[in-house]
Amino acid sequence: MKKTYQQLATFILITFSSTLWADGNMLPLKIPEKVTTECASCHMLYAPGFLPKESWLRIMGGLDKHYGTDASLDPQSVKEVSQWLVQYSGTYKRVNGAPPNDRVTEAAWFVKKHRKISEQTWKRASIKSKANCMACHTTADKGQYDDEFVKVPQ
């Protein structure tokens, strides 16, 4: 009986810790290969918790116009990637609504967090875009955005 409780506790811990890690700026512990090949082959993999469910559904429903690029996928790939994004989409208070244009960089939390960064800094050749998280967040590709890993390039 004791072993059953331990197994149940382990299951609950793994299940909920994965969800909790995802609901924020962390990447979920398990990333399907389809997500990696289809999303991260063109840009870094953004944490699904950065946007709410409705944003991900609109983004995945309009891949033919994916921020100015045709990123169309076959229906099965759209389904698999969408399910993962929706499963780990942001539900916490800072992602309480879809940002303008479903852009992470236009989300209120992003704007507030980066408000002290000058427009000149964003325009540096080493940064180029607000969407280039890796320029400053050296561990963004691992879903790690803690301030201790920030290094703004000159």
C-alpha atoms as a PDB file:
ATOM      1  CA  MET A   1       0.000   0.000   0.000  1.00  0.00           C
ATOM      2  CA  LYS A   2       2.850   2.363   0.892  1.00  0.00           C
ATOM      3  CA  LYS A   3       4.395   1.784  -2.527  1.00  0.00           C
ATOM      4  CA  THR A   4       1.103   2.766  -4.216  1.00  0.00           C
ATOM      5  CA  TYR A   5       1.036   6.093  -2.352  1.00  0.00           C
ATOM      6  CA  GLN A   6       4.639   6.757  -3.303  1.00  0.00           C
ATOM      7  CA  GLN A   7       3.904   6.015  -6.943  1.00  0.00           C
ATOM      8  CA  LEU A   8       0.834   8.246  -6.842  1.00  0.00           C
ATOM      9  CA  ALA A   9       2.808  11.055  -5.191  1.00  0.00           C
ATOM     10  CA  THR A  10       5.553  10.724  -7.802  1.00  0.00           C
ATOM     11  CA  PHE A  11       3.004  10.825 -10.622  1.00  0.00           C
ATOM     12  CA  ILE A  12       1.319  13.931  -9.204  1.00  0.00           C
ATOM     13  CA  LEU A  13       4.657  15.665  -8.646  1.00  0.00           C
ATOM     14  CA  ILE A  14       5.851  14.988 -12.187  1.00  0.00           C
ATOM     15  CA  THR A  15       2.530  15.922 -13.761  1.00  0.00           C
ATOM     16  CA  PHE A  16       2.033  19.173 -11.912  1.00  0.00           C
ATOM     17  CA  SER A  17       5.658  20.274 -11.810  1.00  0.00           C
ATOM     18  CA  SER A  18       5.797  19.984 -15.591  1.00  0.00           C
ATOM     19  CA  THR A  19       2.705  22.155 -15.871  1.00  0.00           C
ATOM     20  CA  LEU A  20       3.957  24.677 -13.333  1.00  0.00           C
ATOM     21  CA  TRP A  21       7.299  24.988 -15.069  1.00  0.00           C
ATOM     22  CA  ALA A  22       5.559  25.617 -18.328  1.00  0.00           C
ATOM     23  CA  ASP A  23       3.256  28.310 -16.993  1.00  0.00           C
ATOM     24  CA  GLY A  24       5.756  31.097 -17.157  1.00  0.00           C
ATOM     25  CA  ASN A  25       8.939  31.687 -18.989  1.00  0.00           C
ATOM     26  CA  MET A  26      10.248  28.158 -18.616  1.00  0.00           C
ATOM     27  CA  LEU A  27       9.983  25.619 -21.381  1.00  0.00           C
ATOM     28  CA  PRO A  28       8.040  22.492 -20.508  1.00  0.00           C
ATOM     29  CA  LEU A  29      10.225  19.569 -19.558  1.00  0.00           C
ATOM     30  CA  LYS A  30       9.034  17.514 -22.507  1.00  0.00           C
ATOM     31  CA  ILE A  31       9.183  19.090 -25.956  1.00  0.00           C
ATOM     32  CA  PRO A  32       7.850  16.994 -28.833  1.00  0.00           C
ATOM     33  CA  GLU A  33      10.258  16.480 -31.700  1.00  0.00           C
ATOM     34  CA  LYS A  34       7.661  17.914 -34.094  1.00  0.00           C
ATOM     35  CA  VAL A  35       7.711  21.199 -32.172  1.00  0.00           C
ATOM     36  CA  THR A  36      11.477  21.355 -32.259  1.00  0.00           C
ATOM     37  CA  THR A  37      11.729  20.583 -35.967  1.00  0.00           C
ATOM     38  CA  GLU A  38       8.867  22.802 -37.098  1.00  0.00           C
ATOM     39  CA  CYS A  39       9.314  25.828 -34.813  1.00  0.00           C
ATOM     40  CA  ALA A  40      12.899  25.893 -33.664  1.00  0.00           C
ATOM     41  CA  SER A  41      14.287  25.280 -37.140  1.00  0.00           C
ATOM     42  CA  CYS A  42      13.390  28.894 -38.033  1.00  0.00           C
ATOM     43  CA  HIS A  43      13.551  30.712 -34.700  1.00  0.00           C
ATOM     44  CA  MET A  44      14.289  29.946 -31.088  1.00  0.00           C
ATOM     45  CA  LEU A  45      11.603  28.028 -29.310  1.00  0.00           C
ATOM     46  CA  TYR A  46       9.548  30.492 -27.282  1.00  0.00           C
ATOM     47  CA  ALA A  47       8.059  29.240 -24.059  1.00  0.00           C
ATOM     48  CA  PRO A  48       4.366  28.508 -24.683  1.00  0.00           C
ATOM     49  CA  GLY A  49       3.607  30.185 -21.365  1.00  0.00           C
ATOM     50  CA  PHE A  50       4.519  33.530 -22.925  1.00  0.00           C
ATOM     51  CA  LEU A  51       1.153  33.713 -24.687  1.00  0.00           C
ATOM     52  CA  PRO A  52      -2.391  32.694 -23.841  1.00  0.00           C
ATOM     53  CA  LYS A  53      -4.233  29.884 -25.569  1.00  0.00           C
ATOM     54  CA  GLU A  54      -6.161  32.190 -27.896  1.00  0.00           C
ATOM     55  CA  SER A  55      -2.946  33.698 -29.259  1.00  0.00           C
ATOM     56  CA  TRP A  56      -1.441  30.296 -30.016  1.00  0.00           C
ATOM     57  CA  LEU A  57      -4.615  29.173 -31.748  1.00  0.00           C
ATOM     58  CA  ARG A  58      -4.610  32.272 -33.973  1.00  0.00           C
ATOM     59  CA  ILE A  59      -0.897  31.887 -34.714  1.00  0.00           C
ATOM     60  CA  MET A  60      -1.272  28.221 -35.628  1.00  0.00           C
ATOM     61  CA  GLY A  61      -4.411  28.973 -37.641  1.00  0.00           C
ATOM     62  CA  GLY A  62      -2.598  31.545 -39.767  1.00  0.00           C
ATOM     63  CA  LEU A  63       0.762  29.974 -40.509  1.00  0.00           C
ATOM     64  CA  ASP A  64       0.512  31.031 -44.146  1.00  0.00           C
ATOM     65  CA  LYS A  65       1.001  34.581 -42.852  1.00  0.00           C
ATOM     66  CA  HIS A  66       3.297  33.896 -39.895  1.00  0.00           C
ATOM     67  CA  TYR A  67       4.597  37.378 -39.137  1.00  0.00           C
ATOM     68  CA  GLY A  68       5.240  38.045 -42.816  1.00  0.00           C
ATOM     69  CA  THR A  69       6.424  34.548 -43.698  1.00  0.00           C
ATOM     70  CA  ASP A  70       4.620  31.522 -45.065  1.00  0.00           C
ATOM     71  CA  ALA A  71       5.256  28.895 -42.387  1.00  0.00           C
ATOM     72  CA  SER A  72       2.496  26.534 -43.509  1.00  0.00           C
ATOM     73  CA  LEU A  73       2.598  22.987 -42.199  1.00  0.00           C
ATOM     74  CA  ASP A  74       0.700  19.832 -43.000  1.00  0.00           C
ATOM     75  CA  PRO A  75      -2.529  19.390 -41.003  1.00  0.00           C
ATOM     76  CA  GLN A  76      -1.088  16.684 -38.718  1.00  0.00           C
ATOM     77  CA  SER A  77       1.875  18.880 -37.785  1.00  0.00           C
ATOM     78  CA  VAL A  78      -0.426  21.830 -37.108  1.00  0.00           C
ATOM     79  CA  LYS A  79      -2.496  19.618 -34.836  1.00  0.00           C
ATOM     80  CA  GLU A  80       0.500  18.252 -32.896  1.00  0.00           C
ATOM     81  CA  VAL A  81       2.225  21.605 -32.428  1.00  0.00           C
ATOM     82  CA  SER A  82      -1.049  23.349 -31.555  1.00  0.00           C
ATOM     83  CA  GLN A  83      -1.900  20.777 -28.907  1.00  0.00           C
ATOM     84  CA  TRP A  84       1.462  21.267 -27.209  1.00  0.00           C
ATOM     85  CA  LEU A  85       1.289  25.072 -27.356  1.00  0.00           C
ATOM     86  CA  VAL A  86      -2.251  25.145 -25.993  1.00  0.00           C
ATOM     87  CA  GLN A  87      -1.466  22.596 -23.282  1.00  0.00           C
ATOM     88  CA  TYR A  88       1.349  24.770 -21.947  1.00  0.00           C
ATOM     89  CA  SER A  89      -0.037  28.190 -22.854  1.00  0.00           C
ATOM     90  CA  GLY A  90       0.106  30.920 -20.265  1.00  0.00           C
ATOM     91  CA  THR A  91      -2.700  30.984 -17.765  1.00  0.00           C
ATOM     92  CA  TYR A  92      -1.112  32.956 -14.984  1.00  0.00           C
ATOM     93  CA  LYS A  93      -2.047  36.530 -14.176  1.00  0.00           C
ATOM     94  CA  ARG A  94       0.517  38.285 -16.359  1.00  0.00           C
ATOM     95  CA  VAL A  95      -0.790  36.464 -19.434  1.00  0.00           C
ATOM     96  CA  ASN A  96      -4.394  37.366 -18.800  1.00  0.00           C
ATOM     97  CA  GLY A  97      -5.148  38.425 -22.338  1.00  0.00           C
ATOM     98  CA  ALA A  98      -3.815  38.206 -25.850  1.00  0.00           C
ATOM     99  CA  PRO A  99      -1.219  40.885 -26.626  1.00  0.00           C
ATOM    100  CA  PRO A 100      -1.577  43.083 -29.717  1.00  0.00           C
ATOM    101  CA  ASN A 101      -0.851  41.120 -32.874  1.00  0.00           C
ATOM    102  CA  ASP A 102      -0.285  38.018 -30.725  1.00  0.00           C
ATOM    103  CA  ARG A 103       3.305  39.133 -30.296  1.00  0.00           C
ATOM    104  CA  VAL A 104       5.231  38.293 -27.151  1.00  0.00           C
ATOM    105  CA  THR A 105       7.140  41.549 -27.569  1.00  0.00           C
ATOM    106  CA  GLU A 106       3.893  43.528 -27.368  1.00  0.00           C
ATOM    107  CA  ALA A 107       2.603  41.803 -24.257  1.00  0.00           C
ATOM    108  CA  ALA A 108       2.195  44.125 -21.289  1.00  0.00           C
ATOM    109  CA  TRP A 109       4.531  42.019 -19.145  1.00  0.00           C
ATOM    110  CA  PHE A 110       7.239  42.097 -21.837  1.00  0.00           C
ATOM    111  CA  VAL A 111       6.949  45.856 -22.311  1.00  0.00           C
ATOM    112  CA  LYS A 112       7.099  46.423 -18.554  1.00  0.00           C
ATOM    113  CA  LYS A 113      10.051  44.078 -18.060  1.00  0.00           C
ATOM    114  CA  HIS A 114      12.044  45.736 -20.865  1.00  0.00           C
ATOM    115  CA  ARG A 115      10.943  49.363 -20.332  1.00  0.00           C
ATOM    116  CA  LYS A 116      14.443  50.542 -19.434  1.00  0.00           C
ATOM    117  CA  ILE A 117      15.982  49.239 -22.656  1.00  0.00           C
ATOM    118  CA  SER A 118      16.452  52.143 -25.046  1.00  0.00           C
ATOM    119  CA  GLU A 119      15.333  52.005 -28.671  1.00  0.00           C
ATOM    120  CA  GLN A 120      18.983  52.471 -29.668  1.00  0.00           C
ATOM    121  CA  THR A 121      19.897  49.312 -27.782  1.00  0.00           C
ATOM    122  CA  TRP A 122      17.210  47.323 -29.608  1.00  0.00           C
ATOM    123  CA  LYS A 123      18.633  48.557 -32.919  1.00  0.00           C
ATOM    124  CA  ARG A 124      22.152  47.277 -32.284  1.00  0.00           C
ATOM    125  CA  ALA A 125      23.365  44.907 -34.991  1.00  0.00           C
ATOM    126  CA  SER A 126      23.984  42.290 -32.329  1.00  0.00           C
ATOM    127  CA  ILE A 127      20.334  42.421 -31.223  1.00  0.00           C
ATOM    128  CA  LYS A 128      18.327  43.497 -34.311  1.00  0.00           C
ATOM    129  CA  SER A 129      14.909  42.664 -32.884  1.00  0.00           C
ATOM    130  CA  LYS A 130      12.981  42.495 -29.629  1.00  0.00           C
ATOM    131  CA  ALA A 131      12.120  38.933 -30.621  1.00  0.00           C
ATOM    132  CA  ASN A 132      15.800  37.976 -30.537  1.00  0.00           C
ATOM    133  CA  CYS A 133      15.763  36.866 -26.912  1.00  0.00           C
ATOM    134  CA  MET A 134      19.047  35.013 -27.294  1.00  0.00           C
ATOM    135  CA  ALA A 135      20.902  38.268 -27.921  1.00  0.00           C
ATOM    136  CA  CYS A 136      20.677  39.177 -24.230  1.00  0.00           C
ATOM    137  CA  HIS A 137      19.202  36.174 -22.444  1.00  0.00           C
ATOM    138  CA  THR A 138      22.088  33.776 -22.956  1.00  0.00           C
ATOM    139  CA  THR A 139      20.080  30.759 -21.852  1.00  0.00           C
ATOM    140  CA  ALA A 140      16.770  31.626 -23.507  1.00  0.00           C
ATOM    141  CA  ASP A 141      17.031  28.582 -25.755  1.00  0.00           C
ATOM    142  CA  LYS A 142      16.719  26.495 -22.605  1.00  0.00           C
ATOM    143  CA  GLY A 143      13.783  28.553 -21.358  1.00  0.00           C
ATOM    144  CA  GLN A 144      15.954  30.216 -18.715  1.00  0.00           C
ATOM    145  CA  TYR A 145      15.366  33.977 -18.517  1.00  0.00           C
ATOM    146  CA  ASP A 146      16.656  34.758 -15.043  1.00  0.00           C
ATOM    147  CA  ASP A 147      18.390  38.117 -14.752  1.00  0.00           C
ATOM    148  CA  GLU A 148      21.631  36.435 -13.740  1.00  0.00           C
ATOM    149  CA  PHE A 149      21.951  35.072 -17.291  1.00  0.00           C
ATOM    150  CA  VAL A 150      21.374  38.412 -19.030  1.00  0.00           C
ATOM    151  CA  LYS A 151      24.251  39.968 -20.926  1.00  0.00           C
ATOM    152  CA  VAL A 152      23.325  42.864 -23.196  1.00  0.00           C
ATOM    153  CA  PRO A 153      25.734  42.894 -26.150  1.00  0.00           C
ATOM    154  CA  GLN A 154      27.474  46.137 -27.044  1.00  0.00           C
END
